[in-house]
Amino acid sequence: MKTRRDPMTLDLFEVPVPRNPTPGALAVGPSLRQLLSDLMKDSPRSRVDIAAHMSVLTGHDISKHQLDSWTADSREGWRFPLEYLPAFEVALASHALIAWLADLRGCKVLVGKDALDAEIGKLE
């Protein structure tokens, strides 16, 4: 017999736990490049469109070449700038990157109604 969880209490079983990483555990370059690449592959937008949208949002010229360099394993010296994270997520209509970062630190990102529901729950 399969046990079913009450959908109203599901989060009780998924409580984020603060993490104390071991030395080297936060060397996330390869994981970050893979995540950035996967998010762009899953997007209906082309890399050219993503770069153009990010350029408009940041006021900086961002090219497809830069996106390619930030995600290529062979371009170890290239790093995705944190200052572009909000524009990247807006261009992809996603919160996956910030959720990944939060998870690295044992946190959880709540957006929209989920954040409001959490505040209401805290007040109750």
C-alpha atoms as a PDB file:
ATOM      1  CA  MET A   1       0.000   0.000   0.000  1.00  0.00           C
ATOM      2  CA  LYS A   2       1.386   3.359  -1.051  1.00  0.00           C
ATOM      3  CA  THR A   3       1.415   6.084   1.603  1.00  0.00           C
ATOM      4  CA  ARG A   4       0.127   9.458   0.450  1.00  0.00           C
ATOM      5  CA  ARG A   5       1.222  12.740   1.939  1.00  0.00           C
ATOM      6  CA  ASP A   6      -1.266  15.456   2.681  1.00  0.00           C
ATOM      7  CA  PRO A   7      -0.584  18.180   0.075  1.00  0.00           C
ATOM      8  CA  MET A   8      -1.220  20.816   2.743  1.00  0.00           C
ATOM      9  CA  THR A   9       1.719  19.581   4.850  1.00  0.00           C
ATOM     10  CA  LEU A  10       4.156  18.531   2.146  1.00  0.00           C
ATOM     11  CA  ASP A  11       6.658  21.267   3.048  1.00  0.00           C
ATOM     12  CA  LEU A  12       6.977  19.872   6.566  1.00  0.00           C
ATOM     13  CA  PHE A  13       9.024  17.076   5.044  1.00  0.00           C
ATOM     14  CA  GLU A  14      11.187  19.392   2.936  1.00  0.00           C
ATOM     15  CA  VAL A  15      12.607  21.752   5.533  1.00  0.00           C
ATOM     16  CA  PRO A  16      15.822  23.405   4.301  1.00  0.00           C
ATOM     17  CA  VAL A  17      18.819  22.750   6.526  1.00  0.00           C
ATOM     18  CA  PRO A  18      21.680  25.265   6.765  1.00  0.00           C
ATOM     19  CA  ARG A  19      24.862  23.742   5.436  1.00  0.00           C
ATOM     20  CA  ASN A  20      28.422  23.979   6.634  1.00  0.00           C
ATOM     21  CA  PRO A  21      30.291  22.980   3.489  1.00  0.00           C
ATOM     22  CA  THR A  22      33.494  21.027   3.587  1.00  0.00           C
ATOM     23  CA  PRO A  23      36.641  22.502   1.996  1.00  0.00           C
ATOM     24  CA  GLY A  24      36.237  22.621  -1.772  1.00  0.00           C
ATOM     25  CA  ALA A  25      32.519  21.812  -1.665  1.00  0.00           C
ATOM     26  CA  LEU A  26      31.594  25.207  -3.073  1.00  0.00           C
ATOM     27  CA  ALA A  27      33.839  25.012  -6.125  1.00  0.00           C
ATOM     28  CA  VAL A  28      30.692  25.138  -8.242  1.00  0.00           C
ATOM     29  CA  GLY A  29      32.099  26.309 -11.591  1.00  0.00           C
ATOM     30  CA  PRO A  30      31.334  23.150 -13.575  1.00  0.00           C
ATOM     31  CA  SER A  31      27.898  22.749 -11.970  1.00  0.00           C
ATOM     32  CA  LEU A  32      27.041  26.386 -12.633  1.00  0.00           C
ATOM     33  CA  ARG A  33      28.119  26.161 -16.276  1.00  0.00           C
ATOM     34  CA  GLN A  34      26.008  23.024 -16.714  1.00  0.00           C
ATOM     35  CA  LEU A  35      22.976  24.623 -15.073  1.00  0.00           C
ATOM     36  CA  LEU A  36      23.250  27.775 -17.185  1.00  0.00           C
ATOM     37  CA  SER A  37      23.557  25.644 -20.307  1.00  0.00           C
ATOM     38  CA  ASP A  38      20.617  23.401 -19.371  1.00  0.00           C
ATOM     39  CA  LEU A  39      18.390  26.377 -18.597  1.00  0.00           C
ATOM     40  CA  MET A  40      19.132  27.909 -21.992  1.00  0.00           C
ATOM     41  CA  LYS A  41      18.564  24.595 -23.778  1.00  0.00           C
ATOM     42  CA  ASP A  42      15.181  24.237 -22.066  1.00  0.00           C
ATOM     43  CA  SER A  43      14.161  27.782 -22.969  1.00  0.00           C
ATOM     44  CA  PRO A  44      12.062  28.491 -26.045  1.00  0.00           C
ATOM     45  CA  ARG A  45      14.316  31.533 -26.620  1.00  0.00           C
ATOM     46  CA  SER A  46      17.517  31.333 -28.619  1.00  0.00           C
ATOM     47  CA  ARG A  47      20.814  32.332 -27.039  1.00  0.00           C
ATOM     48  CA  VAL A  48      20.823  35.398 -29.283  1.00  0.00           C
ATOM     49  CA  ASP A  49      17.398  36.408 -27.903  1.00  0.00           C
ATOM     50  CA  ILE A  50      18.498  35.712 -24.313  1.00  0.00           C
ATOM     51  CA  ALA A  51      21.618  37.836 -24.766  1.00  0.00           C
ATOM     52  CA  ALA A  52      19.612  40.657 -26.374  1.00  0.00           C
ATOM     53  CA  HIS A  53      17.042  40.631 -23.574  1.00  0.00           C
ATOM     54  CA  MET A  54      19.797  40.647 -20.941  1.00  0.00           C
ATOM     55  CA  SER A  55      21.469  43.562 -22.744  1.00  0.00           C
ATOM     56  CA  VAL A  56      18.271  45.606 -22.591  1.00  0.00           C
ATOM     57  CA  LEU A  57      17.741  44.769 -18.913  1.00  0.00           C
ATOM     58  CA  THR A  58      21.308  45.543 -17.814  1.00  0.00           C
ATOM     59  CA  GLY A  59      22.251  48.346 -20.176  1.00  0.00           C
ATOM     60  CA  HIS A  60      25.421  46.384 -21.065  1.00  0.00           C
ATOM     61  CA  ASP A  61      26.176  44.687 -24.363  1.00  0.00           C
ATOM     62  CA  ILE A  62      25.878  40.935 -23.801  1.00  0.00           C
ATOM     63  CA  SER A  63      26.445  38.639 -26.755  1.00  0.00           C
ATOM     64  CA  LYS A  64      25.675  35.050 -27.641  1.00  0.00           C
ATOM     65  CA  HIS A  65      29.450  34.526 -27.656  1.00  0.00           C
ATOM     66  CA  GLN A  66      29.591  35.563 -23.997  1.00  0.00           C
ATOM     67  CA  LEU A  67      26.756  33.174 -23.091  1.00  0.00           C
ATOM     68  CA  ASP A  68      28.578  30.399 -24.952  1.00  0.00           C
ATOM     69  CA  SER A  69      31.848  31.206 -23.163  1.00  0.00           C
ATOM     70  CA  TRP A  70      30.206  31.278 -19.722  1.00  0.00           C
ATOM     71  CA  THR A  71      28.814  27.777 -20.291  1.00  0.00           C
ATOM     72  CA  ALA A  72      31.674  26.051 -22.138  1.00  0.00           C
ATOM     73  CA  ASP A  73      33.808  23.632 -20.113  1.00  0.00           C
ATOM     74  CA  SER A  74      36.720  24.533 -22.376  1.00  0.00           C
ATOM     75  CA  ARG A  75      36.511  28.216 -21.365  1.00  0.00           C
ATOM     76  CA  GLU A  76      37.611  27.730 -17.746  1.00  0.00           C
ATOM     77  CA  GLY A  77      38.740  31.345 -17.387  1.00  0.00           C
ATOM     78  CA  TRP A  78      35.312  32.736 -18.242  1.00  0.00           C
ATOM     79  CA  ARG A  79      32.977  33.282 -15.284  1.00  0.00           C
ATOM     80  CA  PHE A  80      29.293  34.167 -15.282  1.00  0.00           C
ATOM     81  CA  PRO A  81      29.006  37.592 -13.572  1.00  0.00           C
ATOM     82  CA  LEU A  82      26.709  37.579 -10.552  1.00  0.00           C
ATOM     83  CA  GLU A  83      25.490  41.040 -11.523  1.00  0.00           C
ATOM     84  CA  TYR A  84      23.823  39.462 -14.593  1.00  0.00           C
ATOM     85  CA  LEU A  85      21.920  36.817 -12.621  1.00  0.00           C
ATOM     86  CA  PRO A  86      18.645  38.780 -12.311  1.00  0.00           C
ATOM     87  CA  ALA A  87      18.635  39.647 -16.027  1.00  0.00           C
ATOM     88  CA  PHE A  88      19.434  36.035 -16.963  1.00  0.00           C
ATOM     89  CA  GLU A  89      16.487  34.769 -14.945  1.00  0.00           C
ATOM     90  CA  VAL A  90      14.110  37.406 -16.299  1.00  0.00           C
ATOM     91  CA  ALA A  91      15.201  36.591 -19.859  1.00  0.00           C
ATOM     92  CA  LEU A  92      14.402  32.919 -19.194  1.00  0.00           C
ATOM     93  CA  ALA A  93      11.290  33.560 -17.066  1.00  0.00           C
ATOM     94  CA  SER A  94      12.826  31.328 -14.401  1.00  0.00           C
ATOM     95  CA  HIS A  95      13.891  31.290 -10.754  1.00  0.00           C
ATOM     96  CA  ALA A  96      15.898  28.096 -11.147  1.00  0.00           C
ATOM     97  CA  LEU A  97      19.330  29.696 -10.829  1.00  0.00           C
ATOM     98  CA  ILE A  98      18.556  31.594  -7.625  1.00  0.00           C
ATOM     99  CA  ALA A  99      16.840  28.468  -6.232  1.00  0.00           C
ATOM    100  CA  TRP A 100      20.000  26.453  -6.982  1.00  0.00           C
ATOM    101  CA  LEU A 101      22.141  29.045  -5.207  1.00  0.00           C
ATOM    102  CA  ALA A 102      19.794  29.060  -2.218  1.00  0.00           C
ATOM    103  CA  ASP A 103      19.909  25.265  -2.057  1.00  0.00           C
ATOM    104  CA  LEU A 104      23.716  25.357  -1.937  1.00  0.00           C
ATOM    105  CA  ARG A 105      23.392  27.257   1.339  1.00  0.00           C
ATOM    106  CA  GLY A 106      20.494  25.224   2.711  1.00  0.00           C
ATOM    107  CA  CYS A 107      17.816  27.772   1.884  1.00  0.00           C
ATOM    108  CA  LYS A 108      14.631  27.731  -0.132  1.00  0.00           C
ATOM    109  CA  VAL A 109      13.309  30.414  -2.473  1.00  0.00           C
ATOM    110  CA  LEU A 110       9.625  31.229  -2.291  1.00  0.00           C
ATOM    111  CA  VAL A 111       8.056  33.325  -5.056  1.00  0.00           C
ATOM    112  CA  GLY A 112       4.695  35.021  -5.323  1.00  0.00           C
ATOM    113  CA  LYS A 113       1.836  33.275  -3.544  1.00  0.00           C
ATOM    114  CA  ASP A 114       4.203  30.747  -1.948  1.00  0.00           C
ATOM    115  CA  ALA A 115       6.055  33.582  -0.193  1.00  0.00           C
ATOM    116  CA  LEU A 116       2.781  35.115   0.977  1.00  0.00           C
ATOM    117  CA  ASP A 117       1.517  31.750   2.221  1.00  0.00           C
ATOM    118  CA  ALA A 118       4.753  31.255   4.177  1.00  0.00           C
ATOM    119  CA  GLU A 119       4.382  34.695   5.814  1.00  0.00           C
ATOM    120  CA  ILE A 120       0.758  33.952   6.726  1.00  0.00           C
ATOM    121  CA  GLY A 121       1.798  30.603   8.170  1.00  0.00           C
ATOM    122  CA  LYS A 122       4.507  32.294  10.207  1.00  0.00           C
ATOM    123  CA  LEU A 123       2.019  34.814  11.599  1.00  0.00           C
ATOM    124  CA  GLU A 124      -0.491  32.131  12.511  1.00  0.00           C
END
